[in-house]
Structure formats: structure tokens, C-alpha cells
Amino acid sequence: MSIDLSKMPKLGFGLMRLPENDGVIDHEQVCRMVDKYLEAGLTYFDTAYVYHGGKSEVEAREALVKRHPRDSFTLATKLPAWEIKKEDDVERIFNEQLERAGVDYFDFYLLHSIEEGNNYDTYVKYNCFEWGVKKREEGKIKHFGFSFHGSPELLTEIVDNHPEIEFVQIQYNYLDRTNPVVRSQELYEILRARNIPMVIMEPVKGGALAKMVPEAEAMFKAKRPDKSVASWALRFVASQPGIMTILSGMSDEAQMEDNLNTFKNFEPLTDEETAVVNEVTAKLLEVPQIGCTACKYCTPGCPMQISIPDVFRTINTLRRTPDDWRSKNFYSGLIQRSGKASDCIACGQCEGVCPQHLPIIDLMKEAAEILGE
């Protein structure tokens, strides 16, 4: 079963960072965003069993499935290895996902976050690749793939040994091309050489490429004052061949509107614009950043209830602009509702689930020093 890239919407609606009010998904705003997205002729919605503490698939049902014809959209979700303790769990989780989302089938289904170690070993142990093929044959899955956070070596092994895989989701953006942990350019080239369609996650690197050091932003604005900084990141990815769709975890209507404007009359990057992207990349790489994408896999198990991605977001801003009072105010408010960086007990659970393989314990020590608590 092949995927026709020419018919795929290049902007996918990621349901991982939905707008919230006091920790509760803002259903009315999500409905408006869903409607605007579909009205623009776009169709690809991406969720997962663990997003928003299990509420994302439910919100997909309430804001999308119940309100729009089933043939007007495609829905993707993912099987979480870390929730599988025995063979029966695979079927149980899948059936729970169908019920949560209110659908009879998923258009795209992925093994979630494959990497070296426990996740990949679990999928192999419980025959999840074979299971996915069976579900596809039953019509419960239309297209079968996986999302990937591992090494190029492991990716090569998997795609060469599993021709049943139709697409792969990878992290790819202009800043991570040479990131020694992500190695996204190598991942892209492996898939491109095999003509395997790619879903792209973190094209704006968790928002880090939407707002950056003033010097870098000025370089973009000098070339195209009419384009947002975030649009450059999306246009960079969408200009690459072999891309199936690009996920954006849009958190409010303004982000949705900006992204729709980017893709409404899409303009691939020119050679001159690509040169600007490369110059901005070099400028940004001069400022060391914590490569956190705010996936929040680390937060549910933190015994001290530290909002680790928010701490890192604060530190990244302060690394660029040490006197930024907004970041300091943000952190003051953050620790009223979550743990402080200095509360970290170095248990390591966060490092065990971090897709970016960040040395979180050491980084929390640095954060405590910078923030003073």
C-alpha cells in the first residue's frame, strides 16, 4: 500500500500541545482551530495515547470525530511501548484508543518513539511489527509506521528488515541537521534514499525556532519582512523532497492562522533564502541551548513535580539574554504550582524517558545555580 505524497497535506495538526485553561484543554478554542484547519483543505490530525495525560485522543473525538464526517479527515495515533507489560496489553491499548477517539479505524498508526533500548526491545518482544500488519489487513489501520528517536544505525536496520513499514516520523528542522544527538540530516537521508515517506515532528523545535536571539530574527526579517520567523522553519522542511506531512503542535488560534498563511500559497525556499537559513543556523549554534522539545515525557514520573521543560525553556532564554525579566517572572510563577529546579533529587527517571537523551540531572543543577533556587 503506497502513500501518494502529492495528495498529502503538507501541514499536519499535532494534538500534543493543545491550548489549556488552568490545566484543562480549552475545548471551544480547539473546535475553532479544527474547523479553520479543515476549511483550509487540510486533513491530517496526529495524536497519541499519552498526549495531555491521555486526554488528547478524547479531545480528538469531541472536537473532530463527533463534529465532522469521517471521510473529511485522517487521524494518526501511536502505541506506547512503556505501557506494554504483557502481550495482551497491545490489543487492550489499541481497543482503548479506538474507543477514546470514537473511530472504527485509524488512518495512520505508529509504534511510538522507537530508539535503542527498552522501547525497541518491547516492540520486538511483543511482535508489534507483525501485529501492525495484521491490523492493517483487518482494516483497523490504513497505514502502518513508527516514530523514531534513535540512531541512524538503528533506523537503517529497522527499515531494511521491515518492508511492511509505509512511513516514518522523525524530528527534522534546520537547527538539528548537525545535532550530534538527533543526527536528523542522517535520518532524513536514510529514508530519502529508500523513498520512504516522512512525517516531520518538531519542525519549529518546540517553539525555539519561532522566537530567537534578536540578531537571528533580524536576518530573516531583512530578507522577508512579510514572513514570521516560524514560517521560515516550516518552509525549510516543506521545501525538502520526500516529506509526507509536517506536524505543528499549534497551541492557539494565532499559531494556527500563521501556519495556514504559510501553507495557503506555499513558497519553497529560494537559493538566497536557503543561504539565509544557513546563516541563521550558524548564528544560533553560537549560543548553547538545551535541546528540549517540550514533549513532557519526563514530567508525569517526576517525584518532585518539577515542570522540567518549562525550567529548560527559562534557562534557554536566559542563556541568550541573561537579564530577561520576563523569563524570571515566568519562573517565579512556575514554582508556585510546580517544583523548583533545586528540588531535583537526581533519581534519573526523567533521563530514562527523554527522547532527546538530555543529561537532565546536570542541567537541573545548572538551572538551580542560574535561577538561585
Protein backbone atom coordinates (compact mmCIF):
# COMPACT_ATOMS: atom_id res chain seq x y z
CA MET A 1 0.00 0.00 0.00
CA SER A 2 1.77 3.15 -1.16
CA ILE A 3 1.24 6.72 0.04
CA ASP A 4 0.76 9.35 -2.64
CA LEU A 5 2.84 12.28 -1.36
CA SER A 6 1.29 14.64 -3.88
CA LYS A 7 -2.08 14.24 -2.17
CA MET A 8 -0.88 14.58 1.41
CA PRO A 9 -1.50 17.86 3.27
CA LYS A 10 1.90 19.35 3.99
CA LEU A 11 0.72 20.84 7.32
CA GLY A 12 -0.40 18.36 9.95
CA PHE A 13 -2.27 19.36 13.11
CA GLY A 14 -0.37 17.92 16.08
CA LEU A 15 -2.59 17.42 19.13
CA MET A 16 0.24 17.29 21.67
CA ARG A 17 0.26 20.96 22.74
CA LEU A 18 -3.41 21.94 22.68
CA PRO A 19 -4.50 25.20 24.33
CA GLU A 20 -5.37 24.88 28.01
CA ASN A 21 -7.08 26.87 30.74
CA ASP A 22 -5.85 26.05 34.24
CA GLY A 23 -4.53 22.71 33.04
CA VAL A 24 -7.74 21.73 31.21
CA ILE A 25 -7.91 21.56 27.40
CA ASP A 26 -9.73 24.60 26.01
CA HIS A 27 -12.35 22.65 24.06
CA GLU A 28 -14.04 25.65 22.44
CA GLN A 29 -10.76 27.01 21.09
CA VAL A 30 -9.74 23.56 19.84
CA CYS A 31 -13.05 23.31 17.98
CA ARG A 32 -12.42 26.64 16.26
CA MET A 33 -8.90 25.57 15.35
CA VAL A 34 -10.10 22.23 13.97
CA ASP A 35 -12.72 23.99 11.86
CA LYS A 36 -10.23 26.52 10.45
CA TYR A 37 -7.77 23.76 9.63
CA LEU A 38 -10.35 21.69 7.76
CA GLU A 39 -11.75 24.76 5.99
CA ALA A 40 -8.26 25.33 4.60
CA GLY A 41 -8.45 21.93 2.91
CA LEU A 42 -6.08 20.23 5.37
CA THR A 43 -6.87 16.84 6.88
CA TYR A 44 -4.03 15.24 8.91
CA PHE A 45 -4.53 15.08 12.71
CA ASP A 46 -1.87 13.49 14.91
CA THR A 47 -2.38 12.34 18.50
CA ALA A 48 -1.06 9.64 20.84
CA TYR A 49 -2.13 7.52 23.78
CA VAL A 50 -0.09 9.61 26.23
CA TYR A 51 -0.64 13.18 24.99
CA HIS A 52 -2.25 15.52 27.51
CA GLY A 53 -2.24 12.73 30.08
CA GLY A 54 -4.45 10.56 27.88
CA LYS A 55 -6.94 13.34 27.09
CA SER A 56 -5.73 14.18 23.57
CA GLU A 57 -7.40 11.20 21.88
CA VAL A 58 -10.60 12.04 23.74
CA GLU A 59 -10.40 15.65 22.58
CA ALA A 60 -9.92 14.39 19.02
CA ARG A 61 -13.22 12.57 19.40
CA GLU A 62 -15.06 15.56 20.85
CA ALA A 63 -13.65 18.35 18.65
CA LEU A 64 -13.14 16.40 15.42
CA VAL A 65 -14.79 12.98 15.12
CA LYS A 66 -18.18 13.95 16.54
CA ARG A 67 -18.33 17.20 14.58
CA HIS A 68 -17.10 16.28 11.11
CA PRO A 69 -17.70 13.45 8.60
CA ARG A 70 -15.24 10.59 8.99
CA ASP A 71 -14.11 10.85 5.38
CA SER A 72 -13.23 14.55 5.77
CA PHE A 73 -10.09 13.92 7.85
CA THR A 74 -7.36 11.41 8.60
CA LEU A 75 -6.35 10.52 12.15
CA ALA A 76 -2.99 9.20 13.36
CA THR A 77 -2.15 7.84 16.79
CA LYS A 78 0.57 5.76 18.41
CA LEU A 79 1.20 2.64 20.50
CA PRO A 80 3.30 3.41 23.64
CA ALA A 81 5.94 0.77 24.38
CA TRP A 82 6.28 1.88 28.00
CA GLU A 83 2.63 0.95 28.69
CA ILE A 84 3.09 -2.61 27.41
CA LYS A 85 3.82 -5.11 30.21
CA LYS A 86 2.37 -8.24 28.63
CA GLU A 87 1.24 -9.37 25.19
CA ASP A 88 -2.47 -8.72 25.85
CA ASP A 89 -1.69 -5.06 26.55
CA VAL A 90 -1.12 -4.33 22.86
CA GLU A 91 -4.67 -5.26 21.87
CA ARG A 92 -6.12 -3.70 25.03
CA ILE A 93 -4.43 -0.35 24.41
CA PHE A 94 -5.43 -0.32 20.74
CA ASN A 95 -9.08 -1.02 21.55
CA GLU A 96 -9.00 1.68 24.22
CA GLN A 97 -7.65 4.11 21.64
CA LEU A 98 -10.46 3.29 19.21
CA GLU A 99 -12.95 3.96 22.00
CA ARG A 100 -11.25 7.15 23.17
CA ALA A 101 -11.14 8.57 19.66
CA GLY A 102 -14.60 7.33 18.74
CA VAL A 103 -13.50 5.71 15.48
CA ASP A 104 -13.61 2.25 13.90
CA TYR A 105 -10.14 2.54 12.38
CA PHE A 106 -7.05 4.77 12.33
CA ASP A 107 -5.80 6.13 9.03
CA PHE A 108 -2.20 6.15 10.29
CA TYR A 109 -0.88 4.12 13.20
CA LEU A 110 2.63 4.30 14.63
CA LEU A 111 4.82 2.43 17.07
CA HIS A 112 5.69 5.35 19.34
CA SER A 113 9.23 6.64 19.92
CA ILE A 114 11.44 3.80 18.70
CA GLU A 115 15.03 4.09 19.92
CA GLU A 116 17.78 1.85 21.21
CA GLY A 117 16.87 0.08 24.44
CA ASN A 118 13.56 -0.58 26.11
CA ASN A 119 11.15 0.85 23.54
CA TYR A 120 12.52 -1.04 20.55
CA ASP A 121 13.10 -4.19 22.60
CA THR A 122 9.48 -4.10 23.78
CA TYR A 123 8.09 -3.78 20.27
CA VAL A 124 10.21 -6.74 19.17
CA LYS A 125 9.40 -8.82 22.26
CA TYR A 126 5.66 -8.49 21.75
CA ASN A 127 5.74 -8.85 17.93
CA CYS A 128 4.31 -5.38 17.38
CA PHE A 129 5.53 -5.12 13.79
CA GLU A 130 3.66 -8.31 12.88
CA TRP A 131 0.67 -7.14 14.93
CA GLY A 132 0.55 -3.89 12.96
CA VAL A 133 0.46 -5.78 9.66
CA LYS A 134 -2.42 -7.90 10.97
CA LYS A 135 -4.37 -4.83 12.00
CA ARG A 136 -3.80 -3.33 8.58
CA GLU A 137 -5.11 -6.50 6.94
CA GLU A 138 -8.19 -6.27 9.18
CA GLY A 139 -8.77 -2.68 8.06
CA LYS A 140 -8.32 -1.31 11.57
CA ILE A 141 -5.17 0.51 10.40
CA LYS A 142 -4.93 2.02 6.93
CA HIS A 143 -1.20 2.84 7.02
CA PHE A 144 1.45 1.50 9.43
CA GLY A 145 4.65 3.22 10.52
CA PHE A 146 6.68 4.34 13.52
CA SER A 147 8.07 7.47 15.12
CA PHE A 148 11.81 7.47 15.71
CA HIS A 149 14.25 8.98 18.22
CA GLY A 150 17.21 6.62 17.85
CA SER A 151 20.44 6.43 15.88
CA PRO A 152 20.87 6.30 12.10
CA GLU A 153 22.33 2.82 12.54
CA LEU A 154 19.16 1.52 14.20
CA LEU A 155 16.92 3.26 11.66
CA THR A 156 18.79 1.56 8.82
CA GLU A 157 18.41 -1.83 10.50
CA ILE A 158 14.68 -1.41 11.05
CA VAL A 159 13.64 -0.10 7.64
CA ASP A 160 15.77 -2.67 5.83
CA ASN A 161 14.32 -5.53 7.89
CA HIS A 162 10.72 -4.33 7.87
CA PRO A 163 9.49 -3.59 4.35
CA GLU A 164 5.95 -3.56 5.73
CA ILE A 165 6.63 -0.09 7.18
CA GLU A 166 4.99 2.56 4.96
CA PHE A 167 6.23 5.77 6.60
CA VAL A 168 8.49 7.00 9.39
CA GLN A 169 8.14 10.03 11.64
CA ILE A 170 11.39 11.80 12.52
CA GLN A 171 12.49 15.03 14.15
CA TYR A 172 13.83 17.37 11.48
CA ASN A 173 14.46 21.11 11.40
CA TYR A 174 17.20 23.37 10.12
CA LEU A 175 18.91 23.68 13.51
CA ASP A 176 19.07 19.92 14.24
CA ARG A 177 20.66 18.92 10.96
CA THR A 178 24.07 18.57 12.62
CA ASN A 179 22.89 17.97 16.19
CA PRO A 180 25.15 15.12 17.38
CA VAL A 181 22.32 13.55 19.39
CA VAL A 182 19.43 13.91 16.95
CA ARG A 183 21.52 13.47 13.75
CA SER A 184 18.44 14.44 11.79
CA GLN A 185 20.13 15.00 8.44
CA GLU A 186 21.45 11.44 8.52
CA LEU A 187 17.97 10.12 9.38
CA TYR A 188 16.44 12.11 6.55
CA GLU A 189 18.97 10.83 4.02
CA ILE A 190 18.44 7.19 5.06
CA LEU A 191 14.71 7.45 4.46
CA ARG A 192 15.05 9.53 1.32
CA ALA A 193 17.44 7.02 -0.24
CA ARG A 194 14.79 4.33 0.26
CA ASN A 195 11.87 6.50 -0.88
CA ILE A 196 10.15 6.06 2.48
CA PRO A 197 7.70 8.92 3.11
CA MET A 198 8.46 11.04 6.17
CA VAL A 199 6.24 12.70 8.74
CA ILE A 200 8.21 15.51 10.34
CA MET A 201 7.90 16.37 14.03
CA GLU A 202 9.46 19.34 15.83
CA PRO A 203 9.91 21.44 12.65
CA VAL A 204 9.99 24.55 14.86
CA LYS A 205 11.88 22.70 17.63
CA GLY A 206 9.21 23.04 20.29
CA GLY A 207 8.83 26.76 19.52
CA ALA A 208 12.55 27.52 19.80
CA LEU A 209 12.64 28.48 16.10
CA ALA A 210 9.64 30.77 16.42
CA LYS A 211 11.40 33.26 18.70
CA MET A 212 15.17 33.52 18.94
CA VAL A 213 18.04 35.92 19.55
CA PRO A 214 17.28 39.36 18.01
CA GLU A 215 20.26 39.16 15.65
CA ALA A 216 18.94 35.95 14.10
CA GLU A 217 15.39 37.22 13.80
CA ALA A 218 16.67 40.39 12.13
CA MET A 219 18.39 38.30 9.44
CA PHE A 220 15.05 36.72 8.50
CA LYS A 221 13.14 39.98 8.65
CA ALA A 222 15.71 41.75 6.48
CA LYS A 223 15.11 39.23 3.72
CA ARG A 224 11.34 38.75 4.09
CA PRO A 225 9.71 41.27 6.44
CA ASP A 226 6.31 39.84 5.49
CA LYS A 227 7.09 36.35 6.86
CA SER A 228 7.03 35.24 10.50
CA VAL A 229 10.15 33.69 12.00
CA ALA A 230 8.29 30.40 12.50
CA SER A 231 7.29 30.31 8.83
CA TRP A 232 10.94 30.06 7.80
CA ALA A 233 11.29 26.83 9.78
CA LEU A 234 8.18 25.33 8.24
CA ARG A 235 9.13 26.42 4.72
CA PHE A 236 12.58 24.93 5.14
CA VAL A 237 11.16 21.50 5.94
CA ALA A 238 8.37 21.67 3.36
CA SER A 239 10.92 22.51 0.67
CA GLN A 240 12.65 19.15 1.11
CA PRO A 241 11.63 16.23 -1.14
CA GLY A 242 10.05 13.10 0.32
CA ILE A 243 8.06 14.85 3.06
CA MET A 244 4.63 13.35 3.69
CA THR A 245 3.38 15.92 6.19
CA ILE A 246 4.80 18.33 8.78
CA LEU A 247 3.35 18.30 12.27
CA SER A 248 2.85 21.53 14.14
CA GLY A 249 1.65 21.35 17.74
CA MET A 250 -0.40 24.52 17.49
CA SER A 251 -1.28 25.89 20.93
CA ASP A 252 -3.59 28.75 19.99
CA GLU A 253 -5.52 30.26 17.11
CA ALA A 254 -2.78 32.77 16.32
CA GLN A 255 -0.30 29.97 15.65
CA MET A 256 -2.91 28.21 13.53
CA GLU A 257 -3.52 31.36 11.48
CA ASP A 258 0.19 31.96 10.92
CA ASN A 259 0.75 28.37 9.81
CA LEU A 260 -2.24 28.42 7.47
CA ASN A 261 -0.88 31.59 5.90
CA THR A 262 2.45 29.84 5.37
CA PHE A 263 0.89 26.94 3.51
CA LYS A 264 -2.04 28.68 1.81
CA ASN A 265 0.13 29.89 -1.06
CA PHE A 266 3.22 27.90 -0.27
CA GLU A 267 6.56 29.26 -1.48
CA PRO A 268 9.53 26.87 -1.43
CA LEU A 269 12.74 28.45 -0.21
CA THR A 270 14.82 30.09 -2.92
CA ASP A 271 18.57 29.56 -3.04
CA GLU A 272 19.04 33.01 -1.50
CA GLU A 273 16.61 32.20 1.32
CA THR A 274 18.32 28.86 1.95
CA ALA A 275 21.57 30.78 2.37
CA VAL A 276 19.87 32.98 4.98
CA VAL A 277 18.64 29.90 6.84
CA ASN A 278 22.20 28.57 6.91
CA GLU A 279 23.49 31.91 8.22
CA VAL A 280 20.85 31.96 10.96
CA THR A 281 21.71 28.36 11.85
CA ALA A 282 25.36 29.32 12.30
CA LYS A 283 24.35 32.31 14.45
CA LEU A 284 22.10 30.18 16.67
CA LEU A 285 24.72 27.49 17.09
CA GLU A 286 26.95 30.09 18.68
CA VAL A 287 24.54 30.15 21.67
CA PRO A 288 24.50 26.80 23.52
CA GLN A 289 20.93 25.63 24.01
CA ILE A 290 19.27 22.80 25.89
CA GLY A 291 17.75 20.64 23.15
CA CYS A 292 14.42 20.13 24.92
CA THR A 293 11.37 19.90 22.62
CA ALA A 294 8.82 20.12 25.48
CA CYS A 295 7.37 16.68 24.76
CA LYS A 296 6.79 16.37 28.55
CA TYR A 297 7.53 12.66 28.69
CA CYS A 298 9.69 13.47 31.72
CA THR A 299 7.11 15.23 33.87
CA PRO A 300 4.49 12.60 34.87
CA GLY A 301 7.04 10.49 36.75
CA CYS A 302 8.96 13.29 38.46
CA PRO A 303 8.64 12.67 42.23
CA MET A 304 9.27 16.36 42.93
CA GLN A 305 6.69 17.51 40.35
CA ILE A 306 9.19 19.72 38.55
CA SER A 307 7.98 21.09 35.21
CA ILE A 308 11.30 20.23 33.58
CA PRO A 309 10.56 21.55 30.03
CA ASP A 310 9.44 24.90 31.46
CA VAL A 311 12.62 25.14 33.54
CA PHE A 312 14.70 24.46 30.43
CA ARG A 313 12.69 26.99 28.41
CA THR A 314 13.57 29.57 31.04
CA ILE A 315 17.25 28.65 31.02
CA ASN A 316 17.49 28.72 27.22
CA THR A 317 16.11 32.26 27.17
CA LEU A 318 18.44 33.38 29.95
CA ARG A 319 21.42 31.86 28.16
CA ARG A 320 20.66 34.16 25.24
CA THR A 321 19.59 37.19 27.29
CA PRO A 322 20.74 36.86 30.94
CA ASP A 323 18.78 39.90 32.12
CA ASP A 324 15.44 38.89 30.64
CA TRP A 325 13.00 39.82 33.40
CA ARG A 326 10.06 38.12 31.68
CA SER A 327 11.74 34.74 32.00
CA LYS A 328 12.50 35.33 35.64
CA ASN A 329 8.90 36.36 36.29
CA PHE A 330 7.72 33.29 34.41
CA TYR A 331 9.85 31.06 36.63
CA SER A 332 8.60 32.78 39.80
CA GLY A 333 5.06 31.94 38.76
CA LEU A 334 6.01 28.44 37.65
CA ILE A 335 7.35 27.37 41.05
CA GLN A 336 4.11 28.42 42.71
CA ARG A 337 2.47 25.45 41.01
CA SER A 338 5.37 23.02 40.48
CA GLY A 339 8.72 22.04 41.98
CA LYS A 340 11.85 24.19 41.83
CA ALA A 341 14.98 23.23 39.91
CA SER A 342 16.77 22.89 43.23
CA ASP A 343 14.21 20.29 44.36
CA CYS A 344 15.69 17.74 41.93
CA ILE A 345 16.79 14.58 43.81
CA ALA A 346 18.70 13.14 40.83
CA CYS A 347 16.56 9.99 40.68
CA GLY A 348 17.10 9.75 36.91
CA GLN A 349 13.60 8.70 35.84
CA CYS A 350 13.44 11.71 33.52
CA GLU A 351 16.66 10.76 31.74
CA GLY A 352 15.30 7.28 31.14
CA VAL A 353 12.35 8.53 29.10
CA CYS A 354 13.83 11.63 27.40
CA PRO A 355 13.72 11.17 23.59
CA GLN A 356 16.47 13.78 23.25
CA HIS A 357 18.74 11.90 25.71
CA LEU A 358 19.43 15.06 27.67
CA PRO A 359 21.62 14.96 30.82
CA ILE A 360 18.70 16.34 32.80
CA ILE A 361 20.22 15.88 36.26
CA ASP A 362 23.26 18.02 35.41
CA LEU A 363 21.09 20.55 33.62
CA MET A 364 18.83 20.90 36.65
CA LYS A 365 21.90 21.67 38.77
CA GLU A 366 22.86 24.39 36.30
CA ALA A 367 19.28 25.71 36.35
CA ALA A 368 19.29 25.87 40.14
CA GLU A 369 22.51 27.90 40.05
CA ILE A 370 21.24 30.31 37.39
CA LEU A 371 17.83 30.75 38.96
CA GLY A 372 19.06 30.82 42.54
CA GLU A 373 16.60 28.16 43.72
